[in-house]
Amino acid sequence: MDFYIESTQAEQRIRPYIRETPLDHALALSEMGQSSVYLKLENLQYTGSFKLRGAMNKLLSLSPEERAQGIVTASSGNHGAAVAYGLKRLGLPGQIFVPENASPVKVEMIRRLGAQVHHYGHDSGLTELYARDYANQRGLVYISPYNDEQIIAGQGTIGVELARQLERIDAVFVTVGGGGLISGIAGYLKAINPQVNIIGCLPENSPVMAESVKAGQIVEMESLPTLSDGSAGGIEPGAITFALCQKLVDEFVLVSEDEIKAAMRLIIESQHLLVEGAAGVAVAAYLKTANRFRAQNVVIVLCGANISLEALKSVL
């Protein structure tokens, strides 16, 4: 897959449906690490998350026959809301499977957008396997949240925007769940500048991709509860993102729940922005390693804003 071409085409395809998000200079973070830190505000995307990019690119890539069959997807929440938004914009039918413990805020958003929601399993990896099987048995089109070239190219449009917005990028911090976001961004930016440092950020309570890359194969492990519900859970067997993360991610940084909370408070206080746990993970990973990026241009992707009031209260 040529990320440069695929993401460039995706950017033109999805432009009418998504928001080109701002890249804000973060003064407090820059001072703390003695570097120039910029925040890519995907928390301001239409559905409150970067997932809209991949979902729209995939839906717009389907043939008229595929669209008419009906769409099925699985999601911990943000991808489901993104697909539901796309289905509504394009007037297509669809069903979305979420884990039993999915964030109520995210489930409510999917329902508001008019898609059918089904609950299954306690881990997003199991939910995905079930939803794929459900689609196959009924002749419906299954859309993976990350294990799909069009999805990855859609997330890569963040890289296209970053290259326009900032002349020199030394390092990018990206939260990793299934790996679609970091694969897309890294694939595009490394095509332009192989020297760019790509740092994958994960919660200690669910470090599946980092452990998989370390083991040289996708590992099955139980994920503990984490504020970063958007990145939690298992990875589908045979996911194409695994090999991409092996190749494109320069290092993985794991952060604790307390570090995620502190990072979220810092963003709320210093930038007056609402972020969800998964966005806090990338900020926390930067704070943990900041001394290594002095005098560099650093981008942190704030991947989403969809957090419940209860979770927000616990953070504050």
C-alpha atoms as a PDB file:
ATOM      1  CA  MET A   1       0.000   0.000   0.000  1.00  0.00           C
ATOM      2  CA  ASP A   2       1.420   3.395  -1.029  1.00  0.00           C
ATOM      3  CA  PHE A   3       0.397   5.577   1.911  1.00  0.00           C
ATOM      4  CA  TYR A   4       1.402   8.792   0.217  1.00  0.00           C
ATOM      5  CA  ILE A   5      -0.952   8.177  -2.729  1.00  0.00           C
ATOM      6  CA  GLU A   6      -3.754   6.509  -0.727  1.00  0.00           C
ATOM      7  CA  SER A   7      -3.901   9.190   1.969  1.00  0.00           C
ATOM      8  CA  THR A   8      -3.647  12.020  -0.581  1.00  0.00           C
ATOM      9  CA  GLN A   9      -6.604  10.541  -2.498  1.00  0.00           C
ATOM     10  CA  ALA A  10      -8.510   9.926   0.742  1.00  0.00           C
ATOM     11  CA  GLU A  11      -8.011  13.561   1.767  1.00  0.00           C
ATOM     12  CA  GLN A  12      -9.636  14.771  -1.464  1.00  0.00           C
ATOM     13  CA  ARG A  13     -12.450  12.207  -1.145  1.00  0.00           C
ATOM     14  CA  ILE A  14     -13.477  12.983   2.432  1.00  0.00           C
ATOM     15  CA  ARG A  15     -12.864  16.748   2.460  1.00  0.00           C
ATOM     16  CA  PRO A  16     -16.577  17.713   2.111  1.00  0.00           C
ATOM     17  CA  TYR A  17     -17.510  15.475   5.054  1.00  0.00           C
ATOM     18  CA  ILE A  18     -14.881  16.214   7.707  1.00  0.00           C
ATOM     19  CA  ARG A  19     -13.344  19.187   9.484  1.00  0.00           C
ATOM     20  CA  GLU A  20      -9.712  20.098   8.850  1.00  0.00           C
ATOM     21  CA  THR A  21      -8.745  20.352  12.503  1.00  0.00           C
ATOM     22  CA  PRO A  22      -6.482  23.105  13.879  1.00  0.00           C
ATOM     23  CA  LEU A  23      -2.900  22.566  14.977  1.00  0.00           C
ATOM     24  CA  ASP A  24      -2.481  24.618  18.165  1.00  0.00           C
ATOM     25  CA  HIS A  25       0.773  25.607  19.792  1.00  0.00           C
ATOM     26  CA  ALA A  26       0.725  24.422  23.433  1.00  0.00           C
ATOM     27  CA  LEU A  27       2.620  26.935  25.554  1.00  0.00           C
ATOM     28  CA  ALA A  28       2.497  25.057  28.884  1.00  0.00           C
ATOM     29  CA  LEU A  29       3.643  21.758  27.355  1.00  0.00           C
ATOM     30  CA  SER A  30       6.356  23.535  25.345  1.00  0.00           C
ATOM     31  CA  GLU A  31       7.739  25.185  28.489  1.00  0.00           C
ATOM     32  CA  MET A  32       7.645  21.931  30.459  1.00  0.00           C
ATOM     33  CA  GLY A  33       9.688  20.067  27.854  1.00  0.00           C
ATOM     34  CA  GLN A  34      11.701  22.993  26.456  1.00  0.00           C
ATOM     35  CA  SER A  35      10.481  22.150  22.991  1.00  0.00           C
ATOM     36  CA  SER A  36       7.817  23.435  20.570  1.00  0.00           C
ATOM     37  CA  VAL A  37       4.714  21.326  21.177  1.00  0.00           C
ATOM     38  CA  TYR A  38       1.720  21.408  18.850  1.00  0.00           C
ATOM     39  CA  LEU A  39      -1.629  19.745  19.472  1.00  0.00           C
ATOM     40  CA  LYS A  40      -3.590  18.284  16.536  1.00  0.00           C
ATOM     41  CA  LEU A  41      -7.154  18.891  17.674  1.00  0.00           C
ATOM     42  CA  GLU A  42      -9.046  15.818  16.488  1.00  0.00           C
ATOM     43  CA  ASN A  43     -11.163  16.249  19.624  1.00  0.00           C
ATOM     44  CA  LEU A  44     -12.865  19.004  17.566  1.00  0.00           C
ATOM     45  CA  GLN A  45     -13.722  16.639  14.680  1.00  0.00           C
ATOM     46  CA  TYR A  46     -17.481  16.460  13.879  1.00  0.00           C
ATOM     47  CA  THR A  47     -18.135  13.281  15.870  1.00  0.00           C
ATOM     48  CA  GLY A  48     -15.628  14.236  18.570  1.00  0.00           C
ATOM     49  CA  SER A  49     -12.956  11.862  17.264  1.00  0.00           C
ATOM     50  CA  PHE A  50     -10.490  11.238  14.399  1.00  0.00           C
ATOM     51  CA  LYS A  51     -12.424   8.065  13.510  1.00  0.00           C
ATOM     52  CA  LEU A  52     -14.667  10.012  11.117  1.00  0.00           C
ATOM     53  CA  ARG A  53     -11.815  10.199   8.597  1.00  0.00           C
ATOM     54  CA  GLY A  54     -11.368   6.461   8.154  1.00  0.00           C
ATOM     55  CA  ALA A  55     -15.094   5.716   8.302  1.00  0.00           C
ATOM     56  CA  MET A  56     -15.959   8.274   5.600  1.00  0.00           C
ATOM     57  CA  ASN A  57     -13.109   7.126   3.364  1.00  0.00           C
ATOM     58  CA  LYS A  58     -14.273   3.515   3.622  1.00  0.00           C
ATOM     59  CA  LEU A  59     -17.961   4.284   3.038  1.00  0.00           C
ATOM     60  CA  LEU A  60     -17.173   6.528   0.060  1.00  0.00           C
ATOM     61  CA  SER A  61     -14.938   3.765  -1.395  1.00  0.00           C
ATOM     62  CA  LEU A  62     -17.766   1.175  -1.446  1.00  0.00           C
ATOM     63  CA  SER A  63     -19.517   0.325  -4.708  1.00  0.00           C
ATOM     64  CA  PRO A  64     -23.264   1.130  -5.044  1.00  0.00           C
ATOM     65  CA  GLU A  65     -23.946  -2.625  -4.738  1.00  0.00           C
ATOM     66  CA  GLU A  66     -21.965  -2.886  -1.495  1.00  0.00           C
ATOM     67  CA  ARG A  67     -23.686   0.176  -0.040  1.00  0.00           C
ATOM     68  CA  ALA A  68     -27.112  -1.324  -0.781  1.00  0.00           C
ATOM     69  CA  GLN A  69     -26.240  -4.591   1.029  1.00  0.00           C
ATOM     70  CA  GLY A  70     -26.177  -2.885   4.425  1.00  0.00           C
ATOM     71  CA  ILE A  71     -23.213  -2.090   6.667  1.00  0.00           C
ATOM     72  CA  VAL A  72     -22.052  -3.763   9.876  1.00  0.00           C
ATOM     73  CA  THR A  73     -19.251  -2.559  12.134  1.00  0.00           C
ATOM     74  CA  ALA A  74     -17.863  -3.135  15.613  1.00  0.00           C
ATOM     75  CA  SER A  75     -16.475  -0.447  17.866  1.00  0.00           C
ATOM     76  CA  SER A  76     -15.684   0.576  21.428  1.00  0.00           C
ATOM     77  CA  GLY A  77     -17.643   3.717  20.514  1.00  0.00           C
ATOM     78  CA  ASN A  78     -15.894   6.383  18.426  1.00  0.00           C
ATOM     79  CA  HIS A  79     -15.606   4.363  15.213  1.00  0.00           C
ATOM     80  CA  GLY A  80     -19.253   3.316  15.632  1.00  0.00           C
ATOM     81  CA  ALA A  81     -20.345   6.944  15.923  1.00  0.00           C
ATOM     82  CA  ALA A  82     -18.230   7.839  12.886  1.00  0.00           C
ATOM     83  CA  VAL A  83     -19.798   5.078  10.780  1.00  0.00           C
ATOM     84  CA  ALA A  84     -23.273   6.070  12.027  1.00  0.00           C
ATOM     85  CA  TYR A  85     -22.584   9.700  11.011  1.00  0.00           C
ATOM     86  CA  GLY A  86     -21.418   8.542   7.562  1.00  0.00           C
ATOM     87  CA  LEU A  87     -24.449   6.274   7.102  1.00  0.00           C
ATOM     88  CA  LYS A  88     -26.742   9.166   7.974  1.00  0.00           C
ATOM     89  CA  ARG A  89     -24.994  11.565   5.565  1.00  0.00           C
ATOM     90  CA  LEU A  90     -25.114   8.993   2.749  1.00  0.00           C
ATOM     91  CA  GLY A  91     -28.594   7.644   3.559  1.00  0.00           C
ATOM     92  CA  LEU A  92     -27.436   4.050   4.104  1.00  0.00           C
ATOM     93  CA  PRO A  93     -28.663   1.326   6.498  1.00  0.00           C
ATOM     94  CA  GLY A  94     -26.304  -0.083   9.106  1.00  0.00           C
ATOM     95  CA  GLN A  95     -25.829  -1.904  12.397  1.00  0.00           C
ATOM     96  CA  ILE A  96     -23.170  -1.280  15.009  1.00  0.00           C
ATOM     97  CA  PHE A  97     -21.898  -3.758  17.605  1.00  0.00           C
ATOM     98  CA  VAL A  98     -20.326  -2.461  20.814  1.00  0.00           C
ATOM     99  CA  PRO A  99     -18.896  -4.263  23.876  1.00  0.00           C
ATOM    100  CA  GLU A 100     -21.193  -4.656  26.922  1.00  0.00           C
ATOM    101  CA  ASN A 101     -19.021  -2.174  28.807  1.00  0.00           C
ATOM    102  CA  ALA A 102     -18.915   0.484  26.048  1.00  0.00           C
ATOM    103  CA  SER A 103     -19.023   4.116  27.185  1.00  0.00           C
ATOM    104  CA  PRO A 104     -22.708   5.119  27.558  1.00  0.00           C
ATOM    105  CA  VAL A 105     -21.902   8.545  26.083  1.00  0.00           C
ATOM    106  CA  LYS A 106     -20.553   6.938  22.907  1.00  0.00           C
ATOM    107  CA  VAL A 107     -23.471   4.478  22.639  1.00  0.00           C
ATOM    108  CA  GLU A 108     -25.955   7.337  23.041  1.00  0.00           C
ATOM    109  CA  MET A 109     -24.232   9.281  20.248  1.00  0.00           C
ATOM    110  CA  ILE A 110     -24.481   6.269  17.895  1.00  0.00           C
ATOM    111  CA  ARG A 111     -28.216   5.970  18.662  1.00  0.00           C
ATOM    112  CA  ARG A 112     -28.771   9.697  18.130  1.00  0.00           C
ATOM    113  CA  LEU A 113     -27.198   9.370  14.693  1.00  0.00           C
ATOM    114  CA  GLY A 114     -29.863   6.788  13.836  1.00  0.00           C
ATOM    115  CA  ALA A 115     -27.900   3.522  13.673  1.00  0.00           C
ATOM    116  CA  GLN A 116     -28.985   0.255  15.309  1.00  0.00           C
ATOM    117  CA  VAL A 117     -26.796  -0.660  18.294  1.00  0.00           C
ATOM    118  CA  HIS A 118     -26.168  -4.222  19.550  1.00  0.00           C
ATOM    119  CA  HIS A 119     -24.119  -5.147  22.623  1.00  0.00           C
ATOM    120  CA  TYR A 120     -21.840  -8.190  22.571  1.00  0.00           C
ATOM    121  CA  GLY A 121     -18.833  -9.356  24.638  1.00  0.00           C
ATOM    122  CA  HIS A 122     -16.653  -7.617  27.216  1.00  0.00           C
ATOM    123  CA  ASP A 123     -13.632  -6.983  24.999  1.00  0.00           C
ATOM    124  CA  SER A 124     -13.676  -5.040  21.722  1.00  0.00           C
ATOM    125  CA  GLY A 125     -11.627  -7.830  20.074  1.00  0.00           C
ATOM    126  CA  LEU A 126     -14.429 -10.354  20.763  1.00  0.00           C
ATOM    127  CA  THR A 127     -17.052  -7.847  19.627  1.00  0.00           C
ATOM    128  CA  GLU A 128     -15.201  -7.468  16.311  1.00  0.00           C
ATOM    129  CA  LEU A 129     -15.002 -11.221  15.675  1.00  0.00           C
ATOM    130  CA  TYR A 130     -18.716 -11.603  16.416  1.00  0.00           C
ATOM    131  CA  ALA A 131     -19.735  -8.652  14.196  1.00  0.00           C
ATOM    132  CA  ARG A 132     -17.579  -9.865  11.272  1.00  0.00           C
ATOM    133  CA  ASP A 133     -19.213 -13.319  11.570  1.00  0.00           C
ATOM    134  CA  TYR A 134     -22.679 -11.728  11.800  1.00  0.00           C
ATOM    135  CA  ALA A 135     -22.031  -9.752   8.587  1.00  0.00           C
ATOM    136  CA  ASN A 136     -20.600 -12.754   6.702  1.00  0.00           C
ATOM    137  CA  GLN A 137     -23.582 -14.968   7.520  1.00  0.00           C
ATOM    138  CA  ARG A 138     -26.068 -12.363   6.290  1.00  0.00           C
ATOM    139  CA  GLY A 139     -24.218 -11.071   3.219  1.00  0.00           C
ATOM    140  CA  LEU A 140     -23.632  -7.626   4.739  1.00  0.00           C
ATOM    141  CA  VAL A 141     -20.516  -5.459   4.373  1.00  0.00           C
ATOM    142  CA  TYR A 142     -18.301  -5.507   7.480  1.00  0.00           C
ATOM    143  CA  ILE A 143     -16.147  -2.448   8.204  1.00  0.00           C
ATOM    144  CA  SER A 144     -13.254  -2.997  10.619  1.00  0.00           C
ATOM    145  CA  PRO A 145     -12.310  -0.117  12.932  1.00  0.00           C
ATOM    146  CA  TYR A 146      -8.626  -0.456  11.922  1.00  0.00           C
ATOM    147  CA  ASN A 147      -7.930  -3.665   9.952  1.00  0.00           C
ATOM    148  CA  ASP A 148      -8.671  -2.141   6.546  1.00  0.00           C
ATOM    149  CA  GLU A 149      -6.542  -0.227   4.026  1.00  0.00           C
ATOM    150  CA  GLN A 150      -9.195   2.417   3.352  1.00  0.00           C
ATOM    151  CA  ILE A 151      -9.671   3.025   7.069  1.00  0.00           C
ATOM    152  CA  ILE A 152      -5.914   3.424   7.552  1.00  0.00           C
ATOM    153  CA  ALA A 153      -5.623   5.762   4.535  1.00  0.00           C
ATOM    154  CA  GLY A 154      -8.480   7.839   5.958  1.00  0.00           C
ATOM    155  CA  GLN A 155      -6.691   8.244   9.293  1.00  0.00           C
ATOM    156  CA  GLY A 156      -3.562   9.090   7.278  1.00  0.00           C
ATOM    157  CA  THR A 157      -5.271  12.309   6.152  1.00  0.00           C
ATOM    158  CA  ILE A 158      -4.191  13.710   9.542  1.00  0.00           C
ATOM    159  CA  GLY A 159      -0.633  13.316   8.249  1.00  0.00           C
ATOM    160  CA  VAL A 160      -1.574  15.155   5.051  1.00  0.00           C
ATOM    161  CA  GLU A 161      -2.923  18.088   7.110  1.00  0.00           C
ATOM    162  CA  LEU A 162       0.053  18.091   9.489  1.00  0.00           C
ATOM    163  CA  ALA A 163       2.510  18.338   6.595  1.00  0.00           C
ATOM    164  CA  ARG A 164       0.581  21.420   5.396  1.00  0.00           C
ATOM    165  CA  GLN A 165       0.292  22.973   8.855  1.00  0.00           C
ATOM    166  CA  LEU A 166       3.858  22.601  10.162  1.00  0.00           C
ATOM    167  CA  GLU A 167       7.001  22.896   8.077  1.00  0.00           C
ATOM    168  CA  ARG A 168       9.267  20.731  10.248  1.00  0.00           C
ATOM    169  CA  ILE A 169       7.973  17.824  12.330  1.00  0.00           C
ATOM    170  CA  ASP A 170      10.543  15.981  14.452  1.00  0.00           C
ATOM    171  CA  ALA A 171       8.295  13.710  16.525  1.00  0.00           C
ATOM    172  CA  VAL A 172       4.625  12.686  16.653  1.00  0.00           C
ATOM    173  CA  PHE A 173       2.907  11.136  19.677  1.00  0.00           C
ATOM    174  CA  VAL A 174      -0.094   8.982  18.771  1.00  0.00           C
ATOM    175  CA  THR A 175      -2.289   6.790  20.977  1.00  0.00           C
ATOM    176  CA  VAL A 176      -2.442   3.159  19.830  1.00  0.00           C
ATOM    177  CA  GLY A 177      -5.368   0.752  20.092  1.00  0.00           C
ATOM    178  CA  GLY A 178      -5.835  -1.341  16.960  1.00  0.00           C
ATOM    179  CA  GLY A 179      -3.126   0.685  15.242  1.00  0.00           C
ATOM    180  CA  GLY A 180      -5.084   2.270  12.380  1.00  0.00           C
ATOM    181  CA  LEU A 181      -4.411   5.867  13.418  1.00  0.00           C
ATOM    182  CA  ILE A 182      -0.669   5.539  13.943  1.00  0.00           C
ATOM    183  CA  SER A 183      -0.236   3.376  10.802  1.00  0.00           C
ATOM    184  CA  GLY A 184      -1.959   5.996   8.648  1.00  0.00           C
ATOM    185  CA  ILE A 185      -0.144   9.023  10.087  1.00  0.00           C
ATOM    186  CA  ALA A 186       3.267   7.304  10.155  1.00  0.00           C
ATOM    187  CA  GLY A 187       2.828   5.844   6.676  1.00  0.00           C
ATOM    188  CA  TYR A 188       2.212   9.264   5.173  1.00  0.00           C
ATOM    189  CA  LEU A 189       4.732  11.320   7.179  1.00  0.00           C
ATOM    190  CA  LYS A 190       7.566   8.792   6.809  1.00  0.00           C
ATOM    191  CA  ALA A 191       6.967   8.756   3.039  1.00  0.00           C
ATOM    192  CA  ILE A 192       7.824  12.474   3.065  1.00  0.00           C
ATOM    193  CA  ASN A 193      10.469  12.376   5.793  1.00  0.00           C
ATOM    194  CA  PRO A 194      11.798   8.969   6.934  1.00  0.00           C
ATOM    195  CA  GLN A 195      13.571  10.735   9.849  1.00  0.00           C
ATOM    196  CA  VAL A 196      10.332  11.697  11.650  1.00  0.00           C
ATOM    197  CA  ASN A 197      10.095   9.985  15.039  1.00  0.00           C
ATOM    198  CA  ILE A 198       6.781   8.145  15.574  1.00  0.00           C
ATOM    199  CA  ILE A 199       5.936   7.320  19.193  1.00  0.00           C
ATOM    200  CA  GLY A 200       3.107   4.913  19.976  1.00  0.00           C
ATOM    201  CA  CYS A 201       1.369   5.686  23.279  1.00  0.00           C
ATOM    202  CA  LEU A 202      -0.593   3.100  25.282  1.00  0.00           C
ATOM    203  CA  PRO A 203      -2.142   2.692  28.720  1.00  0.00           C
ATOM    204  CA  GLU A 204      -0.320   0.197  30.977  1.00  0.00           C
ATOM    205  CA  ASN A 205      -3.729  -1.423  31.540  1.00  0.00           C
ATOM    206  CA  SER A 206      -4.173  -2.327  27.862  1.00  0.00           C
ATOM    207  CA  PRO A 207      -0.836  -2.381  25.997  1.00  0.00           C
ATOM    208  CA  VAL A 208      -1.837  -5.018  23.442  1.00  0.00           C
ATOM    209  CA  MET A 209      -0.084  -3.637  20.337  1.00  0.00           C
ATOM    210  CA  ALA A 210       3.136  -2.815  22.218  1.00  0.00           C
ATOM    211  CA  GLU A 211       3.255  -6.320  23.722  1.00  0.00           C
ATOM    212  CA  SER A 212       2.453  -7.863  20.324  1.00  0.00           C
ATOM    213  CA  VAL A 213       5.300  -6.026  18.577  1.00  0.00           C
ATOM    214  CA  LYS A 214       7.632  -7.059  21.414  1.00  0.00           C
ATOM    215  CA  ALA A 215       6.539 -10.709  21.034  1.00  0.00           C
ATOM    216  CA  GLY A 216       6.746 -10.662  17.235  1.00  0.00           C
ATOM    217  CA  GLN A 217       3.103 -11.766  16.912  1.00  0.00           C
ATOM    218  CA  ILE A 218      -0.367 -10.595  17.922  1.00  0.00           C
ATOM    219  CA  VAL A 219      -0.841 -11.625  21.544  1.00  0.00           C
ATOM    220  CA  GLU A 220      -4.066 -12.295  23.384  1.00  0.00           C
ATOM    221  CA  MET A 221      -4.117 -10.656  26.793  1.00  0.00           C
ATOM    222  CA  GLU A 222      -6.731  -9.446  29.188  1.00  0.00           C
ATOM    223  CA  SER A 223      -7.155  -5.677  29.276  1.00  0.00           C
ATOM    224  CA  LEU A 224      -7.732  -4.058  32.664  1.00  0.00           C
ATOM    225  CA  PRO A 225     -10.155  -1.135  33.014  1.00  0.00           C
ATOM    226  CA  THR A 226      -8.656   2.104  31.698  1.00  0.00           C
ATOM    227  CA  LEU A 227      -9.716   5.703  31.158  1.00  0.00           C
ATOM    228  CA  SER A 228      -8.498   5.142  27.609  1.00  0.00           C
ATOM    229  CA  ASP A 229     -11.545   3.074  26.601  1.00  0.00           C
ATOM    230  CA  GLY A 230     -11.076   4.225  23.000  1.00  0.00           C
ATOM    231  CA  SER A 231      -7.764   2.356  22.710  1.00  0.00           C
ATOM    232  CA  ALA A 232      -8.522  -0.637  24.951  1.00  0.00           C
ATOM    233  CA  GLY A 233      -9.067  -4.273  24.019  1.00  0.00           C
ATOM    234  CA  GLY A 234      -7.663  -6.987  21.810  1.00  0.00           C
ATOM    235  CA  ILE A 235      -6.480  -6.894  18.197  1.00  0.00           C
ATOM    236  CA  GLU A 236      -8.123  -8.955  15.477  1.00  0.00           C
ATOM    237  CA  PRO A 237      -6.031 -11.999  14.411  1.00  0.00           C
ATOM    238  CA  GLY A 238      -4.123 -11.250  11.195  1.00  0.00           C
ATOM    239  CA  ALA A 239      -4.647  -7.464  11.455  1.00  0.00           C
ATOM    240  CA  ILE A 240      -2.630  -5.609   8.798  1.00  0.00           C
ATOM    241  CA  THR A 241      -1.878  -2.868  11.339  1.00  0.00           C
ATOM    242  CA  PHE A 242       0.413  -5.222  13.276  1.00  0.00           C
ATOM    243  CA  ALA A 243       3.077  -5.418  10.538  1.00  0.00           C
ATOM    244  CA  LEU A 244       2.678  -1.672   9.902  1.00  0.00           C
ATOM    245  CA  CYS A 245       3.299  -0.872  13.578  1.00  0.00           C
ATOM    246  CA  GLN A 246       6.339  -3.189  13.554  1.00  0.00           C
ATOM    247  CA  LYS A 247       7.740  -1.284  10.602  1.00  0.00           C
ATOM    248  CA  LEU A 248       6.650   2.323  11.188  1.00  0.00           C
ATOM    249  CA  VAL A 249       6.551   2.929  14.950  1.00  0.00           C
ATOM    250  CA  ASP A 250       9.927   3.934  16.385  1.00  0.00           C
ATOM    251  CA  GLU A 251       9.042   3.232  20.017  1.00  0.00           C
ATOM    252  CA  PHE A 252       6.160   2.540  22.379  1.00  0.00           C
ATOM    253  CA  VAL A 253       5.596   4.378  25.665  1.00  0.00           C
ATOM    254  CA  LEU A 254       3.255   3.011  28.352  1.00  0.00           C
ATOM    255  CA  VAL A 255       1.519   5.268  30.880  1.00  0.00           C
ATOM    256  CA  SER A 256      -0.371   4.671  34.130  1.00  0.00           C
ATOM    257  CA  GLU A 257      -3.956   5.695  34.896  1.00  0.00           C
ATOM    258  CA  ASP A 258      -2.688   8.451  37.226  1.00  0.00           C
ATOM    259  CA  GLU A 259      -0.444   9.798  34.457  1.00  0.00           C
ATOM    260  CA  ILE A 260      -3.403   9.806  32.045  1.00  0.00           C
ATOM    261  CA  LYS A 261      -5.537  11.738  34.573  1.00  0.00           C
ATOM    262  CA  ALA A 262      -2.806  14.309  35.202  1.00  0.00           C
ATOM    263  CA  ALA A 263      -2.337  14.818  31.450  1.00  0.00           C
ATOM    264  CA  MET A 264      -6.065  15.302  30.899  1.00  0.00           C
ATOM    265  CA  ARG A 265      -6.240  17.864  33.727  1.00  0.00           C
ATOM    266  CA  LEU A 266      -3.285  19.722  32.231  1.00  0.00           C
ATOM    267  CA  ILE A 267      -4.985  19.973  28.805  1.00  0.00           C
ATOM    268  CA  ILE A 268      -8.296  21.079  30.334  1.00  0.00           C
ATOM    269  CA  GLU A 269      -6.546  23.669  32.494  1.00  0.00           C
ATOM    270  CA  SER A 270      -3.902  25.035  30.108  1.00  0.00           C
ATOM    271  CA  GLN A 271      -5.688  24.672  26.750  1.00  0.00           C
ATOM    272  CA  HIS A 272      -9.336  24.805  27.911  1.00  0.00           C
ATOM    273  CA  LEU A 273     -10.074  21.748  25.777  1.00  0.00           C
ATOM    274  CA  LEU A 274     -12.180  18.719  26.618  1.00  0.00           C
ATOM    275  CA  VAL A 275     -10.361  15.449  25.869  1.00  0.00           C
ATOM    276  CA  GLU A 276     -11.139  11.787  26.488  1.00  0.00           C
ATOM    277  CA  GLY A 277      -8.780   9.285  28.122  1.00  0.00           C
ATOM    278  CA  ALA A 278      -7.234   8.095  24.845  1.00  0.00           C
ATOM    279  CA  ALA A 279      -6.097  11.671  24.075  1.00  0.00           C
ATOM    280  CA  GLY A 280      -4.674  11.961  27.598  1.00  0.00           C
ATOM    281  CA  VAL A 281      -2.510   8.893  26.890  1.00  0.00           C
ATOM    282  CA  ALA A 282      -0.534  10.673  24.142  1.00  0.00           C
ATOM    283  CA  VAL A 283      -0.022  13.783  26.289  1.00  0.00           C
ATOM    284  CA  ALA A 284       1.082  11.634  29.259  1.00  0.00           C
ATOM    285  CA  ALA A 285       3.565   9.753  27.058  1.00  0.00           C
ATOM    286  CA  TYR A 286       5.107  13.054  25.923  1.00  0.00           C
ATOM    287  CA  LEU A 287       5.405  14.323  29.517  1.00  0.00           C
ATOM    288  CA  LYS A 288       7.121  11.064  30.491  1.00  0.00           C
ATOM    289  CA  THR A 289       9.764  11.358  27.748  1.00  0.00           C
ATOM    290  CA  ALA A 290       9.890  15.161  27.206  1.00  0.00           C
ATOM    291  CA  ASN A 291      13.559  15.604  28.150  1.00  0.00           C
ATOM    292  CA  ARG A 292      14.549  13.602  25.039  1.00  0.00           C
ATOM    293  CA  PHE A 293      12.772  16.006  22.673  1.00  0.00           C
ATOM    294  CA  ARG A 294      14.309  19.326  23.720  1.00  0.00           C
ATOM    295  CA  ALA A 295      14.395  22.028  21.039  1.00  0.00           C
ATOM    296  CA  GLN A 296      12.349  19.818  18.690  1.00  0.00           C
ATOM    297  CA  ASN A 297       9.000  20.353  16.960  1.00  0.00           C
ATOM    298  CA  VAL A 298       6.672  17.850  18.586  1.00  0.00           C
ATOM    299  CA  VAL A 299       3.094  17.031  17.537  1.00  0.00           C
ATOM    300  CA  ILE A 300       0.673  15.347  19.937  1.00  0.00           C
ATOM    301  CA  VAL A 301      -2.548  14.025  18.396  1.00  0.00           C
ATOM    302  CA  LEU A 302      -5.532  14.721  20.673  1.00  0.00           C
ATOM    303  CA  CYS A 303      -7.569  11.894  19.198  1.00  0.00           C
ATOM    304  CA  GLY A 304     -10.972  12.479  20.788  1.00  0.00           C
ATOM    305  CA  ALA A 305     -13.246  14.314  23.229  1.00  0.00           C
ATOM    306  CA  ASN A 306     -15.968  11.775  23.992  1.00  0.00           C
ATOM    307  CA  ILE A 307     -15.908  11.336  27.756  1.00  0.00           C
ATOM    308  CA  SER A 308     -18.801  10.798  30.152  1.00  0.00           C
ATOM    309  CA  LEU A 309     -19.470  13.286  32.951  1.00  0.00           C
ATOM    310  CA  GLU A 310     -18.797  10.490  35.457  1.00  0.00           C
ATOM    311  CA  ALA A 311     -15.363   9.747  33.996  1.00  0.00           C
ATOM    312  CA  LEU A 312     -14.604  13.476  33.774  1.00  0.00           C
ATOM    313  CA  LYS A 313     -15.532  13.929  37.453  1.00  0.00           C
ATOM    314  CA  SER A 314     -13.133  11.140  38.449  1.00  0.00           C
ATOM    315  CA  VAL A 315     -10.342  12.842  36.467  1.00  0.00           C
ATOM    316  CA  LEU A 316     -10.950  16.266  37.973  1.00  0.00           C
END
